[in-house]
Amino acid sequence: MTPQSAPAVLPEEIAVVNVGLPLFADAVRAQGGPVDQLDWRIPANGDPRLTAALTTLLGDHAARIDEANAEVFRRLDTGAPSWTAVVTAGDVLPGLGGRTLLHCGPAIEWPQVCDPLRRSMRAATVAEGWAADVAEADVLLRTGRVRLEPANPNATVVPMATALGPSMPVLAVDDQAGGTRAFSAINQGPGDVAWFGRETDAAIGRLRFLRDVAGPLLATAVEQAGPVDVLGVATQGLAMGDDVHMRTQASTNLLIRHLLPQLVAANGPAAVEFARYLSGDHLFFLNLAMAAAKSLTMWAEQVEGSSIVTTMARNGTTFGVRLAGCPTWFLAEAPEIGDALFNPGFGPGSGARDIGDSAVLELIGLGGAAAAGSPAVAAFLGGTMADAAEVTENMTDICHGTSSRFKMPTLDMRGTPVGVDARLVTKLALTPKVNTGILHVSDGTGQVGAGVATAPLDCFSDAVLNLARRLT
């Protein structure tokens, strides 16, 4: 006789882990069953070249890269940049010799420059005294008699469509541990200003005001107040609702409070004019935070063989990244700004492509990385804090670690993600989110909204392919 097998006994309760298509998880959930959805995807979207590169970088060379990444992360996380001075750009930046303008993002030639940046360059050319008006400035720029250089290789970062000439004052930020010094222009403020792609008399006048009034007053104030712990201020601002990119109101107010005794000591009409400007510039701290972030990435980029991104910048035409230890730019088309709120009368067709060097903030744990801590940013991401938290969670998936200083009260004081790893970006096909303003694409209106741009994938993938070639 053949023994009979015991009948199968099905469990009364089943908990499901679904891998892949969420449709199956939805079906279990609809029937009241417990289910967890694993967001699994084919690495690198199944691209065989990228899969081979990732196999090398996450396999044979993983230990070597991980060691380099740990050092890059340490430098990004522990550096302590201080604002120490306000100096004239032409005195400290060798790349600004002669008639030269520094601009945001990767290098670009005049025919490829987007409309807002062209307008800013013309305004800067007039402010420098090289042209009598914007028409003459256009001729000088179009014929190459004013030279264009990217700010990043000159230890400088500038936000939005800023063009920086040699006579302009810059904020100097020093990181003692790394021995680095980085610079940024003074923030131009809201309204009719060149960094928003304006070339009016008022925009040119603001540039002259920053050079002739704001620069000297700030230089005296910071000299008398002593070095300012920039990221210490940012840490406090983050706890007060800033992401320290799109929103810097709290950080700006804290900085003004620190400088207040020195500012009050200044006398005369110029001091009153400066106080009026400063009280209306809620983004004043932005440029200072960018220079601090740049000082950290300059220290971090001295590490060889890392897969962590130390440059992320855009000029309104191209979006570029660089990895630590590698001077090569990897480029893709600058993205349009998808998650956006526009001013009345404007919409998606009005907006220029993503622009500015301010994405350096996302590399050190601010901006999009800190979205979960900022209700103001949540408004651009669906309107709920859950939407903002999802952006931070996605950044966590592609970063090396979490910050020991930037903590989010809304996420149980968890640190913000730091150190974008190009390997993880490529593997997951998940790119950083960048908080940003939106400039008009063509008519010089200026800022027409704000939103969150999604970085293009191709530049990160190209960086991964290049790293694999360099290590094999």
Protein backbone atom coordinates (compact mmCIF):
# COMPACT_ATOMS: atom_id res chain seq x y z
CA MET A 1 0.00 0.00 0.00
CA THR A 2 1.18 3.45 -0.79
CA PRO A 3 1.19 5.68 2.29
CA GLN A 4 -0.97 8.73 1.91
CA SER A 5 0.54 12.16 2.51
CA ALA A 6 -0.98 14.32 5.19
CA PRO A 7 -3.28 16.95 3.71
CA ALA A 8 -1.79 20.41 3.39
CA VAL A 9 -2.90 22.80 6.08
CA LEU A 10 -3.18 26.38 4.98
CA PRO A 11 -2.38 29.08 7.52
CA GLU A 12 -5.31 31.07 8.75
CA GLU A 13 -3.42 34.37 8.44
CA ILE A 14 -0.99 35.30 5.69
CA ALA A 15 1.36 38.28 5.64
CA VAL A 16 2.62 39.13 2.16
CA VAL A 17 5.79 40.78 0.94
CA ASN A 18 5.27 41.75 -2.69
CA VAL A 19 8.29 42.30 -4.93
CA GLY A 20 7.81 44.19 -8.16
CA LEU A 21 4.47 45.26 -9.59
CA PRO A 22 2.39 46.96 -6.88
CA LEU A 23 -0.81 45.64 -8.51
CA PHE A 24 -0.52 42.38 -6.53
CA ALA A 25 0.01 44.24 -3.27
CA ASP A 26 -3.03 46.38 -4.02
CA ALA A 27 -5.13 43.25 -4.51
CA VAL A 28 -4.08 41.80 -1.13
CA ARG A 29 -4.63 45.14 0.57
CA ALA A 30 -8.12 45.43 -0.96
CA GLN A 31 -9.02 42.11 0.69
CA GLY A 32 -7.83 43.33 4.07
CA GLY A 33 -4.61 41.32 4.13
CA PRO A 34 -1.35 42.63 5.62
CA VAL A 35 1.13 43.44 2.85
CA ASP A 36 4.44 45.22 2.42
CA GLN A 37 5.46 46.47 -1.00
CA LEU A 38 9.17 46.19 -1.83
CA ASP A 39 10.12 48.90 -4.30
CA TRP A 40 12.48 46.75 -6.33
CA ARG A 41 13.55 47.61 -9.83
CA ILE A 42 16.05 46.31 -12.35
CA PRO A 43 19.39 48.02 -11.61
CA ALA A 44 20.18 50.90 -13.97
CA ASN A 45 16.95 50.23 -15.86
CA GLY A 46 18.62 47.14 -17.33
CA ASP A 47 21.23 49.08 -19.33
CA PRO A 48 24.03 46.51 -19.93
CA ARG A 49 26.87 49.08 -19.93
CA LEU A 50 25.75 50.61 -16.67
CA THR A 51 25.06 47.21 -15.13
CA ALA A 52 28.59 46.13 -15.96
CA ALA A 53 30.03 49.34 -14.51
CA LEU A 54 27.97 48.97 -11.34
CA THR A 55 29.05 45.34 -10.99
CA THR A 56 32.62 46.61 -10.91
CA LEU A 57 32.00 49.61 -8.65
CA LEU A 58 29.73 47.80 -6.21
CA GLY A 59 31.73 44.57 -6.41
CA ASP A 60 35.46 44.30 -7.10
CA HIS A 61 36.22 47.95 -6.28
CA ALA A 62 33.52 48.49 -3.66
CA ALA A 63 35.83 48.43 -0.64
CA ARG A 64 38.22 50.94 -2.18
CA ILE A 65 35.40 53.30 -3.19
CA ASP A 66 33.62 52.91 0.14
CA GLU A 67 36.80 53.93 1.96
CA ALA A 68 37.14 57.04 -0.22
CA ASN A 69 33.44 57.81 0.20
CA ALA A 70 33.70 57.57 3.98
CA GLU A 71 36.42 60.24 3.92
CA VAL A 72 34.43 62.46 1.55
CA PHE A 73 31.39 62.12 3.82
CA ARG A 74 33.49 62.97 6.89
CA ARG A 75 34.68 66.18 5.28
CA LEU A 76 31.20 67.20 4.13
CA ASP A 77 29.74 66.40 7.55
CA THR A 78 32.34 67.80 9.93
CA GLY A 79 33.87 70.84 8.24
CA ALA A 80 33.10 74.13 10.01
CA PRO A 81 33.12 76.99 7.47
CA SER A 82 33.25 80.55 8.81
CA TRP A 83 32.40 83.83 7.10
CA THR A 84 35.55 85.85 7.62
CA ALA A 85 35.56 88.76 5.16
CA VAL A 86 34.01 90.69 2.29
CA VAL A 87 36.53 91.32 -0.48
CA THR A 88 36.61 92.54 -4.08
CA ALA A 89 36.25 89.69 -6.57
CA GLY A 90 38.99 90.87 -8.89
CA ASP A 91 41.48 90.99 -6.01
CA VAL A 92 41.08 87.35 -5.00
CA LEU A 93 39.89 85.43 -8.09
CA PRO A 94 42.60 84.91 -10.74
CA GLY A 95 40.02 83.87 -13.33
CA LEU A 96 38.57 87.40 -13.32
CA GLY A 97 41.47 89.07 -15.10
CA GLY A 98 40.57 91.76 -17.66
CA ARG A 99 37.03 91.96 -18.95
CA THR A 100 35.69 88.70 -17.59
CA LEU A 101 32.39 87.66 -16.05
CA LEU A 102 31.92 84.57 -13.89
CA HIS A 103 28.64 82.75 -14.38
CA CYS A 104 26.71 79.88 -12.85
CA GLY A 105 26.92 76.27 -13.98
CA PRO A 106 29.26 74.58 -16.47
CA ALA A 107 31.24 76.53 -19.07
CA ILE A 108 29.14 77.93 -21.90
CA GLU A 109 29.59 80.03 -25.03
CA TRP A 110 27.43 83.08 -25.76
CA PRO A 111 25.29 81.48 -28.52
CA GLN A 112 24.13 78.80 -26.04
CA VAL A 113 23.48 81.16 -23.09
CA CYS A 114 19.81 81.24 -22.07
CA ASP A 115 17.81 84.48 -22.13
CA PRO A 116 17.78 85.24 -18.36
CA LEU A 117 21.53 84.73 -18.04
CA ARG A 118 22.19 86.88 -21.11
CA ARG A 119 20.24 89.72 -19.51
CA SER A 120 22.17 89.35 -16.26
CA MET A 121 25.47 89.36 -18.15
CA ARG A 122 24.51 92.53 -19.99
CA ALA A 123 23.53 94.21 -16.71
CA ALA A 124 26.85 93.20 -15.14
CA THR A 125 28.79 94.49 -18.17
CA VAL A 126 27.14 97.91 -17.81
CA ALA A 127 27.65 97.94 -14.03
CA GLU A 128 31.36 97.25 -14.56
CA GLY A 129 31.58 100.35 -16.77
CA TRP A 130 32.58 98.40 -19.87
CA ALA A 131 29.47 99.51 -21.77
CA ALA A 132 27.25 102.58 -21.66
CA ASP A 133 24.02 100.59 -22.01
CA VAL A 134 22.72 97.05 -22.51
CA ALA A 135 22.79 97.38 -26.32
CA GLU A 136 26.53 98.08 -26.26
CA ALA A 137 26.98 95.34 -23.67
CA ASP A 138 25.29 92.89 -26.01
CA VAL A 139 27.80 93.69 -28.75
CA LEU A 140 30.75 93.20 -26.39
CA LEU A 141 29.42 89.86 -25.19
CA ARG A 142 28.36 88.63 -28.62
CA THR A 143 31.77 89.40 -30.12
CA GLY A 144 33.74 87.87 -27.25
CA ARG A 145 35.22 91.14 -26.01
CA VAL A 146 33.85 90.25 -22.59
CA ARG A 147 35.06 86.78 -21.63
CA LEU A 148 32.83 84.22 -19.90
CA GLU A 149 34.14 81.82 -17.26
CA PRO A 150 32.28 79.42 -14.96
CA ALA A 151 32.38 80.39 -11.30
CA ASN A 152 32.88 76.89 -9.86
CA PRO A 153 36.51 76.34 -11.00
CA ASN A 154 37.26 79.74 -9.45
CA ALA A 155 36.27 78.60 -5.94
CA THR A 156 33.02 80.54 -6.35
CA VAL A 157 29.32 79.73 -6.49
CA VAL A 158 26.56 82.09 -7.63
CA PRO A 159 22.79 81.57 -7.45
CA MET A 160 20.21 81.72 -10.23
CA ALA A 161 21.31 83.83 -13.23
CA THR A 162 24.04 85.76 -11.41
CA ALA A 163 26.92 87.14 -13.49
CA LEU A 164 29.86 88.34 -11.40
CA GLY A 165 32.32 91.02 -12.51
CA PRO A 166 35.74 91.88 -11.02
CA SER A 167 34.63 95.07 -9.23
CA MET A 168 31.89 93.31 -7.25
CA PRO A 169 32.23 92.40 -3.56
CA VAL A 170 32.20 88.73 -2.60
CA LEU A 171 31.64 86.92 0.68
CA ALA A 172 34.73 84.95 1.72
CA VAL A 173 34.16 81.73 3.68
CA ASP A 174 37.05 79.75 5.16
CA ASP A 175 37.08 76.15 6.34
CA GLN A 176 40.07 75.81 8.66
CA ALA A 177 40.05 72.01 8.77
CA GLY A 178 40.23 71.68 5.01
CA GLY A 179 42.32 74.77 4.35
CA THR A 180 39.81 75.91 1.73
CA ARG A 181 38.39 79.34 0.95
CA ALA A 182 35.24 79.78 -1.14
CA PHE A 183 33.34 82.81 -2.36
CA SER A 184 29.89 83.96 -3.41
CA ALA A 185 28.40 87.26 -4.50
CA ILE A 186 26.24 89.27 -2.11
CA ASN A 187 22.60 88.32 -2.64
CA GLN A 188 20.88 90.92 -4.81
CA GLY A 189 17.49 90.64 -3.12
CA PRO A 190 14.01 90.34 -4.63
CA GLY A 191 12.25 92.26 -7.41
CA ASP A 192 13.90 94.08 -10.28
CA VAL A 193 17.35 92.48 -10.05
CA ALA A 194 19.88 90.98 -12.45
CA TRP A 195 20.12 87.53 -10.84
CA PHE A 196 16.46 87.07 -11.81
CA GLY A 197 17.27 87.81 -15.44
CA ARG A 198 16.58 91.57 -15.44
CA GLU A 199 18.65 94.22 -17.25
CA THR A 200 16.76 97.38 -16.31
CA ASP A 201 18.27 100.55 -14.90
CA ALA A 202 17.06 99.44 -11.46
CA ALA A 203 18.78 96.05 -11.82
CA ILE A 204 22.04 97.72 -12.84
CA GLY A 205 21.61 100.20 -10.00
CA ARG A 206 21.29 97.35 -7.48
CA LEU A 207 24.63 95.92 -8.66
CA ARG A 208 26.28 99.30 -8.15
CA PHE A 209 24.64 99.63 -4.73
CA LEU A 210 26.05 96.27 -3.66
CA ARG A 211 29.52 97.32 -4.82
CA ASP A 212 29.54 100.86 -3.46
CA VAL A 213 27.35 100.63 -0.33
CA ALA A 214 26.53 97.11 0.84
CA GLY A 215 30.00 95.65 0.26
CA PRO A 216 31.94 98.18 2.37
CA LEU A 217 29.33 98.16 5.18
CA LEU A 218 29.28 94.35 5.34
CA ALA A 219 33.08 94.21 5.24
CA THR A 220 33.26 96.45 8.29
CA ALA A 221 30.49 94.59 10.10
CA VAL A 222 32.00 91.14 9.74
CA GLU A 223 35.48 92.43 10.58
CA GLN A 224 34.17 93.90 13.83
CA ALA A 225 31.83 91.00 14.69
CA GLY A 226 34.42 88.33 14.05
CA PRO A 227 34.02 85.07 12.07
CA VAL A 228 30.47 83.78 11.65
CA ASP A 229 29.81 80.02 12.01
CA VAL A 230 27.74 79.74 8.84
CA LEU A 231 26.44 76.20 9.26
CA GLY A 232 25.76 76.84 12.94
CA VAL A 233 23.31 79.50 11.78
CA ALA A 234 21.92 77.12 9.15
CA THR A 235 21.37 74.43 11.77
CA GLN A 236 19.24 76.82 13.82
CA GLY A 237 17.39 77.96 10.71
CA LEU A 238 16.60 74.38 9.75
CA ALA A 239 14.98 73.82 13.15
CA MET A 240 12.84 76.92 12.47
CA GLY A 241 11.44 75.74 9.13
CA ASP A 242 14.15 76.68 6.62
CA ASP A 243 15.44 74.24 4.06
CA VAL A 244 18.27 76.79 3.66
CA HIS A 245 17.76 76.94 -0.09
CA MET A 246 14.27 77.90 -1.18
CA ARG A 247 13.50 79.29 2.27
CA THR A 248 16.16 81.09 4.31
CA GLN A 249 14.00 83.53 6.30
CA ALA A 250 14.95 82.19 9.72
CA SER A 251 18.65 81.89 8.90
CA THR A 252 18.71 85.40 7.44
CA ASN A 253 17.05 86.83 10.55
CA LEU A 254 19.51 85.04 12.82
CA LEU A 255 22.43 86.40 10.82
CA ILE A 256 21.09 89.97 10.89
CA ARG A 257 20.67 89.69 14.67
CA HIS A 258 24.31 88.62 14.97
CA LEU A 259 25.49 91.60 12.91
CA LEU A 260 23.00 94.09 14.37
CA PRO A 261 25.36 95.91 16.79
CA GLN A 262 27.86 96.58 14.01
CA LEU A 263 25.16 97.60 11.55
CA VAL A 264 23.58 100.02 14.03
CA ALA A 265 26.99 101.60 14.60
CA ALA A 266 27.13 102.63 10.93
CA ASN A 267 25.86 106.18 10.39
CA GLY A 268 24.54 108.23 7.49
CA PRO A 269 22.12 107.86 4.57
CA ALA A 270 24.08 104.93 3.11
CA ALA A 271 23.55 102.91 6.28
CA VAL A 272 19.82 103.60 6.18
CA GLU A 273 19.66 102.56 2.52
CA PHE A 274 21.55 99.38 3.32
CA ALA A 275 19.26 98.59 6.26
CA ARG A 276 16.22 99.03 4.01
CA TYR A 277 17.71 96.61 1.47
CA LEU A 278 18.68 94.07 4.12
CA SER A 279 15.27 94.11 5.78
CA GLY A 280 13.64 93.24 2.46
CA ASP A 281 16.02 90.47 1.37
CA HIS A 282 14.73 87.23 2.89
CA LEU A 283 17.27 85.27 0.81
CA PHE A 284 20.32 87.17 2.04
CA PHE A 285 21.69 84.09 3.82
CA LEU A 286 21.42 81.92 0.68
CA ASN A 287 24.69 83.07 -0.89
CA LEU A 288 26.56 82.71 2.37
CA ALA A 289 25.30 79.15 2.82
CA MET A 290 26.33 78.36 -0.76
CA ALA A 291 29.88 79.61 -0.15
CA ALA A 292 30.06 77.50 3.01
CA ALA A 293 28.89 74.43 1.10
CA LYS A 294 31.44 75.14 -1.63
CA SER A 295 34.27 75.30 0.92
CA LEU A 296 33.28 71.81 2.10
CA THR A 297 33.00 70.32 -1.39
CA MET A 298 36.39 71.82 -2.30
CA TRP A 299 37.90 69.92 0.63
CA ALA A 300 35.98 66.77 -0.25
CA GLU A 301 36.96 66.82 -3.92
CA GLN A 302 40.61 66.35 -2.95
CA VAL A 303 39.83 62.69 -2.17
CA GLU A 304 40.65 60.32 -5.04
CA GLY A 305 38.53 57.40 -6.23
CA SER A 306 35.18 58.42 -4.73
CA SER A 307 31.74 58.03 -6.28
CA ILE A 308 30.27 60.96 -4.30
CA VAL A 309 29.20 64.07 -6.19
CA THR A 310 31.04 67.26 -5.17
CA THR A 311 29.74 69.60 -7.89
CA MET A 312 26.16 69.95 -9.09
CA ALA A 313 25.42 73.12 -11.06
CA ARG A 314 23.34 74.41 -13.95
CA ASN A 315 23.47 77.40 -16.29
CA GLY A 316 19.94 77.28 -17.70
CA THR A 317 21.14 75.28 -20.72
CA THR A 318 23.18 72.40 -19.27
CA PHE A 319 23.26 70.59 -15.94
CA GLY A 320 26.67 69.37 -14.81
CA VAL A 321 28.12 67.17 -12.08
CA ARG A 322 31.64 66.27 -10.99
CA LEU A 323 32.82 63.50 -8.66
CA ALA A 324 35.37 63.86 -5.89
CA GLY A 325 38.88 63.43 -7.26
CA CYS A 326 37.83 63.99 -10.87
CA PRO A 327 37.97 67.38 -12.66
CA THR A 328 35.75 66.26 -15.55
CA TRP A 329 32.27 67.73 -15.93
CA PHE A 330 29.52 65.32 -16.95
CA LEU A 331 26.71 67.17 -18.69
CA ALA A 332 23.06 66.78 -19.57
CA GLU A 333 20.34 69.18 -20.64
CA ALA A 334 19.15 71.41 -17.81
CA PRO A 335 15.72 70.17 -16.70
CA GLU A 336 12.47 72.05 -16.68
CA ILE A 337 11.02 72.63 -13.23
CA GLY A 338 8.19 70.15 -12.84
CA ASP A 339 6.93 70.61 -9.27
CA ALA A 340 6.18 74.33 -9.38
CA LEU A 341 3.95 77.14 -8.18
CA PHE A 342 3.74 80.07 -10.57
CA ASN A 343 2.86 83.67 -9.93
CA PRO A 344 -0.58 84.75 -11.21
CA GLY A 345 -0.63 85.01 -14.98
CA PHE A 346 2.25 82.58 -15.52
CA GLY A 347 2.44 78.84 -16.08
CA PRO A 348 4.73 76.02 -17.22
CA GLY A 349 5.30 77.62 -20.64
CA SER A 350 6.65 80.75 -18.95
CA GLY A 351 9.49 79.14 -17.03
CA ALA A 352 13.11 78.89 -18.07
CA ARG A 353 15.09 75.74 -17.39
CA ASP A 354 16.79 75.13 -14.06
CA ILE A 355 19.67 77.52 -13.39
CA GLY A 356 22.27 78.39 -10.73
CA ASP A 357 25.03 76.93 -8.55
CA SER A 358 22.80 76.68 -5.49
CA ALA A 359 22.39 72.90 -5.94
CA VAL A 360 25.68 72.66 -4.01
CA LEU A 361 23.45 72.91 -0.93
CA GLU A 362 21.74 69.61 -1.74
CA LEU A 363 25.16 67.92 -1.61
CA ILE A 364 25.74 68.78 2.06
CA GLY A 365 22.27 67.97 3.44
CA LEU A 366 20.28 71.14 2.79
CA GLY A 367 17.70 72.15 0.17
CA GLY A 368 15.87 69.14 -1.23
CA ALA A 369 17.64 66.87 1.25
CA ALA A 370 15.96 68.84 4.06
CA ALA A 371 12.53 69.10 2.41
CA ALA A 372 10.90 67.03 5.15
CA GLY A 373 11.70 69.74 7.68
CA SER A 374 10.22 72.68 5.78
CA PRO A 375 6.45 73.27 5.51
CA ALA A 376 7.17 76.01 2.96
CA VAL A 377 8.82 73.49 0.61
CA ALA A 378 5.96 71.02 1.11
CA ALA A 379 3.66 73.49 -0.65
CA PHE A 380 5.56 72.85 -3.90
CA LEU A 381 5.45 69.06 -3.54
CA GLY A 382 1.77 68.28 -3.32
CA GLY A 383 1.00 70.36 -0.27
CA THR A 384 1.55 67.85 2.55
CA MET A 385 4.47 67.13 4.83
CA ALA A 386 4.23 63.50 3.68
CA ASP A 387 5.06 64.66 0.15
CA ALA A 388 8.07 66.58 1.45
CA ALA A 389 9.16 63.60 3.56
CA GLU A 390 9.11 61.40 0.45
CA VAL A 391 11.64 63.71 -1.23
CA THR A 392 13.95 63.44 1.77
CA GLU A 393 13.49 59.66 1.91
CA ASN A 394 14.39 59.37 -1.77
CA MET A 395 17.49 61.48 -1.16
CA THR A 396 18.39 59.15 1.71
CA ASP A 397 18.27 56.21 -0.71
CA ILE A 398 20.98 57.77 -2.90
CA CYS A 399 23.22 59.30 -0.23
CA HIS A 400 26.16 57.88 1.69
CA GLY A 401 24.91 58.82 5.15
CA THR A 402 22.98 61.27 7.29
CA SER A 403 24.13 64.55 8.79
CA SER A 404 25.36 64.78 12.35
CA ARG A 405 24.41 68.48 12.51
CA PHE A 406 21.33 69.08 10.33
CA LYS A 407 18.41 67.49 12.19
CA MET A 408 14.73 67.49 11.18
CA PRO A 409 12.25 67.88 14.06
CA THR A 410 9.48 66.58 11.81
CA LEU A 411 11.32 63.25 11.38
CA ASP A 412 12.18 62.60 15.04
CA MET A 413 15.41 64.62 14.75
CA ARG A 414 16.81 62.39 12.04
CA GLY A 415 19.79 63.81 10.17
CA THR A 416 19.36 65.01 6.61
CA PRO A 417 20.94 62.86 3.86
CA VAL A 418 24.49 63.86 2.87
CA GLY A 419 26.83 62.72 0.09
CA VAL A 420 25.04 61.92 -3.18
CA ASP A 421 26.55 58.64 -4.42
CA ALA A 422 26.49 58.44 -8.22
CA ARG A 423 26.51 54.62 -8.00
CA LEU A 424 23.22 54.60 -6.10
CA VAL A 425 21.71 57.28 -8.34
CA THR A 426 22.49 55.15 -11.38
CA LYS A 427 21.49 51.85 -9.81
CA LEU A 428 18.09 53.12 -8.68
CA ALA A 429 17.57 55.55 -11.59
CA LEU A 430 16.68 58.05 -8.87
CA THR A 431 18.16 61.54 -9.02
CA PRO A 432 18.35 64.41 -6.51
CA LYS A 433 15.58 66.98 -6.17
CA VAL A 434 16.76 70.58 -6.24
CA ASN A 435 14.78 73.45 -4.69
CA THR A 436 14.84 76.47 -6.98
CA GLY A 437 13.25 79.65 -8.26
CA ILE A 438 11.79 79.95 -11.75
CA LEU A 439 12.77 82.76 -14.14
CA HIS A 440 10.85 83.82 -17.22
CA VAL A 441 12.10 81.98 -20.25
CA SER A 442 12.31 84.88 -22.70
CA ASP A 443 10.92 88.32 -21.88
CA GLY A 444 12.95 89.54 -18.90
CA THR A 445 10.00 89.55 -16.51
CA GLY A 446 12.21 88.11 -13.77
CA GLN A 447 11.09 85.51 -11.26
CA VAL A 448 7.71 84.01 -12.14
CA GLY A 449 7.52 81.21 -9.57
CA ALA A 450 9.42 78.63 -7.57
CA GLY A 451 9.54 74.87 -7.44
CA VAL A 452 11.56 71.69 -7.30
CA ALA A 453 13.61 70.43 -10.25
CA THR A 454 14.57 66.80 -10.81
CA ALA A 455 18.20 66.40 -11.81
CA PRO A 456 18.77 64.57 -15.13
CA LEU A 457 20.01 61.00 -14.87
CA ASP A 458 22.44 60.91 -17.81
CA CYS A 459 25.18 63.04 -16.22
CA PHE A 460 25.32 60.76 -13.16
CA SER A 461 25.38 57.64 -15.34
CA ASP A 462 28.21 59.08 -17.44
CA ALA A 463 30.15 59.82 -14.26
CA VAL A 464 29.70 56.19 -13.17
CA LEU A 465 30.95 54.88 -16.51
CA ASN A 466 33.96 57.18 -16.29
CA LEU A 467 34.76 56.08 -12.74
CA ALA A 468 34.61 52.42 -13.76
CA ARG A 469 37.06 53.10 -16.61
CA ARG A 470 39.43 54.96 -14.30
CA LEU A 471 39.52 52.16 -11.75
CA THR A 472 39.96 49.25 -14.15
